[in-house]
Amino acid sequence: GYTFQNHAGDAATQAKINSFKWDHVILQAQSQEPSLDPVQVAAQTTPYALLLDSMVKENDSCSVSTFYETWGRKYGDALNCGGYPPVCTYTGMQDRLKSSYKIFADTTKGIMAPVGEAFRLSRQLDSNINLYQSDNSHPSLEGSYLAACVFYEVLFHKNVSGNTFLASLNSSIALFLQQGAHATVTDSLTLYNLGINAPY
C-alpha cells in the first residue's frame, strides 16, 4: 500500500537506491493512486515520482527509472468509484493507469514497463485465464508470471516467447502469457520509451 510519497520519505527506500550502481530502478506506485483524477495525481503522485527519480540519478546518473505500470482491478475500483467515476470499470481504471505511468516515464526520461497493458491484452484474448487473486486486485500466479515476462522483455531486450521457465504453469498457458507480453512490449516500443531512454 506504499505510495511514492511514502517511499520518497523512507530511509529504507533511500538505502536501497544508494546500495548499488543500478541499470534500472523499478518504481511502482500504490495501485489505485495513479488511476485517480489527473489533477489529484499531478499534485499528490507525480512530484514524488520526480523526487524518487532524482534520488536514483543522484546515486548514479546512468541509472534509469523504470515505472512498473500496474493493472486495473478486475471489476474496477469500487472504493474510489463514487468520487471519480472513470475508475468504476476495469477499462476506465486501466486507461488512467496507462496515462499516469506514461507521464511519469516521459517526465523523468524513464521507461514504462507495460504490465497493465499486457493484462489488458490477455483479458481481451482469453478471459478464461484468471490473472487475479480472489480479491480481484492482487495477481494470481498467472498474473505474476505475465508481469515477469514483461519485465524480461523490458530489461533484457529479448523475446520471452519459448522461455523454458514455466513457474509450474501449464505449458500452453505459459506460452500464451509469454506471447502476450512480447506482443505488448514490441507493439509500442516508442510509447514506453524502450530503446529511447536506456541505461548507459
C-alpha atoms as a PDB file:
ATOM      1  CA  GLY A   1       0.000   0.000   0.000  1.00  0.00           C
ATOM      2  CA  TYR A   2       3.013   2.333  -0.128  1.00  0.00           C
ATOM      3  CA  THR A   3       2.719   5.493  -2.216  1.00  0.00           C
ATOM      4  CA  PHE A   4       5.556   7.278  -3.994  1.00  0.00           C
ATOM      5  CA  GLN A   5       5.331   9.870  -1.226  1.00  0.00           C
ATOM      6  CA  ASN A   6       5.837   7.139   1.383  1.00  0.00           C
ATOM      7  CA  HIS A   7       8.857   5.798  -0.484  1.00  0.00           C
ATOM      8  CA  ALA A   8      10.367   9.235  -1.010  1.00  0.00           C
ATOM      9  CA  GLY A   9      10.452   9.775   2.752  1.00  0.00           C
ATOM     10  CA  ASP A  10      11.542   6.267   3.705  1.00  0.00           C
ATOM     11  CA  ALA A  11      15.135   5.712   4.806  1.00  0.00           C
ATOM     12  CA  ALA A  12      14.977   2.059   3.743  1.00  0.00           C
ATOM     13  CA  THR A  13      13.989   3.040   0.199  1.00  0.00           C
ATOM     14  CA  GLN A  14      16.793   5.592   0.053  1.00  0.00           C
ATOM     15  CA  ALA A  15      19.267   2.994   1.334  1.00  0.00           C
ATOM     16  CA  LYS A  16      18.160   0.512  -1.349  1.00  0.00           C
ATOM     17  CA  ILE A  17      18.578   3.126  -4.074  1.00  0.00           C
ATOM     18  CA  ASN A  18      22.060   4.002  -2.792  1.00  0.00           C
ATOM     19  CA  SER A  19      23.204   0.415  -2.292  1.00  0.00           C
ATOM     20  CA  PHE A  20      24.353  -0.229  -5.860  1.00  0.00           C
ATOM     21  CA  LYS A  21      25.029   1.414  -9.231  1.00  0.00           C
ATOM     22  CA  TRP A  22      21.816   0.216 -10.835  1.00  0.00           C
ATOM     23  CA  ASP A  23      20.994  -0.004 -14.545  1.00  0.00           C
ATOM     24  CA  HIS A  24      17.294   0.154 -13.743  1.00  0.00           C
ATOM     25  CA  VAL A  25      15.426   1.117 -10.597  1.00  0.00           C
ATOM     26  CA  ILE A  26      11.860  -0.196 -10.689  1.00  0.00           C
ATOM     27  CA  LEU A  27       9.315   2.241  -9.257  1.00  0.00           C
ATOM     28  CA  GLN A  28       5.723   1.218  -8.561  1.00  0.00           C
ATOM     29  CA  ALA A  29       3.089   3.480  -7.061  1.00  0.00           C
ATOM     30  CA  GLN A  30       0.296   2.318  -4.780  1.00  0.00           C
ATOM     31  CA  SER A  31      -2.082   0.503  -7.118  1.00  0.00           C
ATOM     32  CA  GLN A  32      -5.023   2.939  -7.055  1.00  0.00           C
ATOM     33  CA  GLU A  33      -3.237   6.269  -6.753  1.00  0.00           C
ATOM     34  CA  PRO A  34      -2.178   6.851 -10.395  1.00  0.00           C
ATOM     35  CA  SER A  35      -5.687   5.999 -11.619  1.00  0.00           C
ATOM     36  CA  LEU A  36      -7.340   8.872  -9.777  1.00  0.00           C
ATOM     37  CA  ASP A  37      -8.271  12.311 -11.108  1.00  0.00           C
ATOM     38  CA  PRO A  38      -5.377  13.789 -13.156  1.00  0.00           C
ATOM     39  CA  VAL A  39      -5.399  16.947 -11.025  1.00  0.00           C
ATOM     40  CA  GLN A  40      -5.007  14.835  -7.878  1.00  0.00           C
ATOM     41  CA  VAL A  41      -2.262  12.703  -9.452  1.00  0.00           C
ATOM     42  CA  ALA A  42      -0.396  15.829 -10.565  1.00  0.00           C
ATOM     43  CA  ALA A  43      -0.479  17.192  -7.016  1.00  0.00           C
ATOM     44  CA  GLN A  44      -0.014  14.036  -4.920  1.00  0.00           C
ATOM     45  CA  THR A  45       1.829  11.464  -7.028  1.00  0.00           C
ATOM     46  CA  THR A  46       3.862  12.938  -9.886  1.00  0.00           C
ATOM     47  CA  PRO A  47       6.008  15.208  -7.662  1.00  0.00           C
ATOM     48  CA  TYR A  48       7.144  12.182  -5.674  1.00  0.00           C
ATOM     49  CA  ALA A  49       7.830  10.166  -8.827  1.00  0.00           C
ATOM     50  CA  LEU A  50      10.134  13.025  -9.819  1.00  0.00           C
ATOM     51  CA  LEU A  51      11.705  13.112  -6.364  1.00  0.00           C
ATOM     52  CA  LEU A  52      12.417   9.378  -6.415  1.00  0.00           C
ATOM     53  CA  ASP A  53      13.870   9.707  -9.897  1.00  0.00           C
ATOM     54  CA  SER A  54      16.169  12.487  -8.658  1.00  0.00           C
ATOM     55  CA  MET A  55      17.348  10.161  -5.872  1.00  0.00           C
ATOM     56  CA  VAL A  56      18.033   7.451  -8.442  1.00  0.00           C
ATOM     57  CA  LYS A  57      20.056   9.802 -10.641  1.00  0.00           C
ATOM     58  CA  GLU A  58      21.886  11.316  -7.685  1.00  0.00           C
ATOM     59  CA  ASN A  59      23.101   7.838  -6.789  1.00  0.00           C
ATOM     60  CA  ASP A  60      24.124   7.133 -10.403  1.00  0.00           C
ATOM     61  CA  SER A  61      23.420   9.474 -13.296  1.00  0.00           C
ATOM     62  CA  CYS A  62      23.460   6.497 -15.691  1.00  0.00           C
ATOM     63  CA  SER A  63      20.569   4.722 -13.956  1.00  0.00           C
ATOM     64  CA  VAL A  64      17.085   4.756 -15.478  1.00  0.00           C
ATOM     65  CA  SER A  65      13.838   4.906 -13.533  1.00  0.00           C
ATOM     66  CA  THR A  66      11.640   2.134 -14.882  1.00  0.00           C
ATOM     67  CA  PHE A  67       7.992   2.571 -13.962  1.00  0.00           C
ATOM     68  CA  TYR A  68       6.006  -0.581 -13.232  1.00  0.00           C
ATOM     69  CA  GLU A  69       2.639   0.141 -14.836  1.00  0.00           C
ATOM     70  CA  THR A  70       0.215  -1.940 -12.810  1.00  0.00           C
ATOM     71  CA  TRP A  71      -3.221  -3.188 -13.894  1.00  0.00           C
ATOM     72  CA  GLY A  72      -6.791  -2.103 -13.319  1.00  0.00           C
ATOM     73  CA  ARG A  73      -8.713  -4.063 -10.713  1.00  0.00           C
ATOM     74  CA  LYS A  74     -10.745  -6.872 -12.229  1.00  0.00           C
ATOM     75  CA  TYR A  75     -14.075  -5.049 -11.916  1.00  0.00           C
ATOM     76  CA  GLY A  76     -12.789  -1.504 -11.425  1.00  0.00           C
ATOM     77  CA  ASP A  77     -12.155   0.374  -8.184  1.00  0.00           C
ATOM     78  CA  ALA A  78     -15.323   0.261  -6.090  1.00  0.00           C
ATOM     79  CA  LEU A  79     -13.698   2.249  -3.286  1.00  0.00           C
ATOM     80  CA  ASN A  80     -12.967   5.318  -5.435  1.00  0.00           C
ATOM     81  CA  CYS A  81     -15.809   4.898  -7.940  1.00  0.00           C
ATOM     82  CA  GLY A  82     -18.147   7.342  -6.183  1.00  0.00           C
ATOM     83  CA  GLY A  83     -15.589  10.127  -6.081  1.00  0.00           C
ATOM     84  CA  TYR A  84     -14.118   9.564  -9.549  1.00  0.00           C
ATOM     85  CA  PRO A  85     -16.410   7.612 -11.945  1.00  0.00           C
ATOM     86  CA  PRO A  86     -13.794   6.764 -14.606  1.00  0.00           C
ATOM     87  CA  VAL A  87     -12.353   4.111 -12.265  1.00  0.00           C
ATOM     88  CA  CYS A  88     -15.724   2.371 -11.835  1.00  0.00           C
ATOM     89  CA  THR A  89     -14.782  -0.065 -14.615  1.00  0.00           C
ATOM     90  CA  TYR A  90     -11.687  -2.092 -15.346  1.00  0.00           C
ATOM     91  CA  THR A  91     -11.158  -0.317 -18.659  1.00  0.00           C
ATOM     92  CA  GLY A  92     -11.541   3.147 -17.175  1.00  0.00           C
ATOM     93  CA  MET A  93      -9.097   2.366 -14.387  1.00  0.00           C
ATOM     94  CA  GLN A  94      -6.602   0.799 -16.794  1.00  0.00           C
ATOM     95  CA  ASP A  95      -6.762   3.781 -19.133  1.00  0.00           C
ATOM     96  CA  ARG A  96      -5.957   6.128 -16.259  1.00  0.00           C
ATOM     97  CA  LEU A  97      -3.065   3.972 -15.044  1.00  0.00           C
ATOM     98  CA  LYS A  98      -1.574   3.904 -18.537  1.00  0.00           C
ATOM     99  CA  SER A  99      -1.868   7.674 -18.864  1.00  0.00           C
ATOM    100  CA  SER A 100      -0.281   8.420 -15.497  1.00  0.00           C
ATOM    101  CA  TYR A 101       2.593   5.977 -15.857  1.00  0.00           C
ATOM    102  CA  LYS A 102       3.299   7.410 -19.317  1.00  0.00           C
ATOM    103  CA  ILE A 103       3.568  10.862 -17.719  1.00  0.00           C
ATOM    104  CA  PHE A 104       5.930   9.534 -15.025  1.00  0.00           C
ATOM    105  CA  ALA A 105       8.178   7.882 -17.635  1.00  0.00           C
ATOM    106  CA  ASP A 106       8.172  10.816 -20.039  1.00  0.00           C
ATOM    107  CA  THR A 107       8.771  13.458 -17.374  1.00  0.00           C
ATOM    108  CA  THR A 108      11.742  11.621 -15.887  1.00  0.00           C
ATOM    109  CA  LYS A 109      13.157  10.435 -19.221  1.00  0.00           C
ATOM    110  CA  GLY A 110      12.495   6.973 -17.874  1.00  0.00           C
ATOM    111  CA  ILE A 111      10.921   3.777 -19.140  1.00  0.00           C
ATOM    112  CA  MET A 112       7.453   2.326 -18.695  1.00  0.00           C
ATOM    113  CA  ALA A 113       7.125  -1.435 -18.165  1.00  0.00           C
ATOM    114  CA  PRO A 114       3.608  -2.030 -19.574  1.00  0.00           C
ATOM    115  CA  VAL A 115       2.436  -4.843 -17.316  1.00  0.00           C
ATOM    116  CA  GLY A 116      -1.057  -3.363 -17.116  1.00  0.00           C
ATOM    117  CA  GLU A 117      -1.302  -3.280 -20.894  1.00  0.00           C
ATOM    118  CA  ALA A 118      -0.253  -6.936 -21.048  1.00  0.00           C
ATOM    119  CA  PHE A 119      -3.081  -7.688 -18.597  1.00  0.00           C
ATOM    120  CA  ARG A 120      -5.457  -5.808 -20.905  1.00  0.00           C
ATOM    121  CA  LEU A 121      -4.367  -7.831 -23.941  1.00  0.00           C
ATOM    122  CA  SER A 122      -4.585 -11.127 -22.070  1.00  0.00           C
ATOM    123  CA  ARG A 123      -8.110 -10.317 -20.870  1.00  0.00           C
ATOM    124  CA  GLN A 124      -9.149  -9.431 -24.422  1.00  0.00           C
ATOM    125  CA  LEU A 125      -7.711 -12.580 -25.971  1.00  0.00           C
ATOM    126  CA  ASP A 126      -8.705 -15.138 -23.331  1.00  0.00           C
ATOM    127  CA  SER A 127     -10.869 -14.049 -20.408  1.00  0.00           C
ATOM    128  CA  ASN A 128     -10.790 -17.602 -19.016  1.00  0.00           C
ATOM    129  CA  ILE A 129      -7.205 -17.155 -17.826  1.00  0.00           C
ATOM    130  CA  ASN A 130      -7.616 -15.570 -14.407  1.00  0.00           C
ATOM    131  CA  LEU A 131      -4.868 -13.052 -13.707  1.00  0.00           C
ATOM    132  CA  TYR A 132      -6.218 -12.090 -10.271  1.00  0.00           C
ATOM    133  CA  GLN A 133      -6.386 -13.473  -6.758  1.00  0.00           C
ATOM    134  CA  SER A 134      -9.798 -13.699  -5.090  1.00  0.00           C
ATOM    135  CA  ASP A 135      -9.594 -10.040  -4.003  1.00  0.00           C
ATOM    136  CA  ASN A 136      -9.778  -9.080  -7.723  1.00  0.00           C
ATOM    137  CA  SER A 137      -6.756  -6.843  -7.220  1.00  0.00           C
ATOM    138  CA  HIS A 138      -3.535  -8.731  -6.496  1.00  0.00           C
ATOM    139  CA  PRO A 139      -2.124 -11.047  -9.173  1.00  0.00           C
ATOM    140  CA  SER A 140      -2.621 -14.775  -9.363  1.00  0.00           C
ATOM    141  CA  LEU A 141       0.332 -16.960 -10.370  1.00  0.00           C
ATOM    142  CA  GLU A 142      -0.699 -16.339 -13.982  1.00  0.00           C
ATOM    143  CA  GLY A 143      -0.753 -12.586 -13.412  1.00  0.00           C
ATOM    144  CA  SER A 144       2.624 -12.609 -11.685  1.00  0.00           C
ATOM    145  CA  TYR A 145       4.096 -14.723 -14.473  1.00  0.00           C
ATOM    146  CA  LEU A 146       2.752 -12.301 -17.074  1.00  0.00           C
ATOM    147  CA  ALA A 147       4.357  -9.397 -15.185  1.00  0.00           C
ATOM    148  CA  ALA A 148       7.675 -11.258 -15.055  1.00  0.00           C
ATOM    149  CA  CYS A 149       7.507 -11.886 -18.809  1.00  0.00           C
ATOM    150  CA  VAL A 150       7.009  -8.166 -19.475  1.00  0.00           C
ATOM    151  CA  PHE A 151       9.994  -7.302 -17.294  1.00  0.00           C
ATOM    152  CA  TYR A 152      12.123  -9.942 -19.037  1.00  0.00           C
ATOM    153  CA  GLU A 153      11.419  -8.220 -22.354  1.00  0.00           C
ATOM    154  CA  VAL A 154      11.936  -4.695 -20.972  1.00  0.00           C
ATOM    155  CA  LEU A 155      15.152  -5.383 -19.042  1.00  0.00           C
ATOM    156  CA  PHE A 156      16.920  -7.870 -21.285  1.00  0.00           C
ATOM    157  CA  HIS A 157      15.641  -6.809 -24.743  1.00  0.00           C
ATOM    158  CA  LYS A 158      14.956 -10.452 -25.565  1.00  0.00           C
ATOM    159  CA  ASN A 159      11.879 -12.281 -26.799  1.00  0.00           C
ATOM    160  CA  VAL A 160      10.418 -14.190 -23.847  1.00  0.00           C
ATOM    161  CA  SER A 161       8.330 -16.456 -26.124  1.00  0.00           C
ATOM    162  CA  GLY A 162       9.537 -20.025 -25.769  1.00  0.00           C
ATOM    163  CA  ASN A 163      11.317 -19.408 -22.462  1.00  0.00           C
ATOM    164  CA  THR A 164      11.587 -22.728 -20.646  1.00  0.00           C
ATOM    165  CA  PHE A 165      10.809 -21.392 -17.160  1.00  0.00           C
ATOM    166  CA  LEU A 166       7.095 -22.095 -16.636  1.00  0.00           C
ATOM    167  CA  ALA A 167       6.637 -21.392 -12.895  1.00  0.00           C
ATOM    168  CA  SER A 168       4.568 -24.611 -12.585  1.00  0.00           C
ATOM    169  CA  LEU A 169       2.039 -23.312 -15.119  1.00  0.00           C
ATOM    170  CA  ASN A 170       0.581 -25.436 -17.885  1.00  0.00           C
ATOM    171  CA  SER A 171       2.932 -25.008 -20.849  1.00  0.00           C
ATOM    172  CA  SER A 172       0.204 -23.739 -23.185  1.00  0.00           C
ATOM    173  CA  ILE A 173      -0.881 -21.081 -20.657  1.00  0.00           C
ATOM    174  CA  ALA A 174       2.731 -20.050 -20.059  1.00  0.00           C
ATOM    175  CA  LEU A 175       3.315 -19.714 -23.809  1.00  0.00           C
ATOM    176  CA  PHE A 176       0.118 -17.672 -24.175  1.00  0.00           C
ATOM    177  CA  LEU A 177       1.295 -15.286 -21.449  1.00  0.00           C
ATOM    178  CA  GLN A 178       4.794 -15.105 -22.928  1.00  0.00           C
ATOM    179  CA  GLN A 179       3.396 -14.244 -26.346  1.00  0.00           C
ATOM    180  CA  GLY A 180       1.078 -11.646 -24.823  1.00  0.00           C
ATOM    181  CA  ALA A 181       3.969  -9.968 -23.019  1.00  0.00           C
ATOM    182  CA  HIS A 182       6.064  -9.967 -26.194  1.00  0.00           C
ATOM    183  CA  ALA A 183       3.239  -8.545 -28.300  1.00  0.00           C
ATOM    184  CA  THR A 184       2.501  -5.815 -25.755  1.00  0.00           C
ATOM    185  CA  VAL A 185       6.093  -4.649 -25.414  1.00  0.00           C
ATOM    186  CA  THR A 186       7.085  -4.822 -29.077  1.00  0.00           C
ATOM    187  CA  ASP A 187       3.854  -3.327 -30.387  1.00  0.00           C
ATOM    188  CA  SER A 188       4.604   0.089 -28.847  1.00  0.00           C
ATOM    189  CA  LEU A 189       8.319   0.341 -28.076  1.00  0.00           C
ATOM    190  CA  THR A 190       8.475   4.110 -28.521  1.00  0.00           C
ATOM    191  CA  LEU A 191       5.321   4.664 -26.448  1.00  0.00           C
ATOM    192  CA  TYR A 192       7.065   3.025 -23.499  1.00  0.00           C
ATOM    193  CA  ASN A 193      10.377   4.819 -24.257  1.00  0.00           C
ATOM    194  CA  LEU A 194      12.067   1.482 -24.923  1.00  0.00           C
ATOM    195  CA  GLY A 195      15.199   1.941 -26.997  1.00  0.00           C
ATOM    196  CA  ILE A 196      14.967   5.678 -26.327  1.00  0.00           C
ATOM    197  CA  ASN A 197      15.670   6.059 -22.618  1.00  0.00           C
ATOM    198  CA  ALA A 198      18.133   3.307 -21.782  1.00  0.00           C
ATOM    199  CA  PRO A 199      20.839   2.838 -19.163  1.00  0.00           C
ATOM    200  CA  TYR A 200      24.254   3.963 -20.331  1.00  0.00           C
END
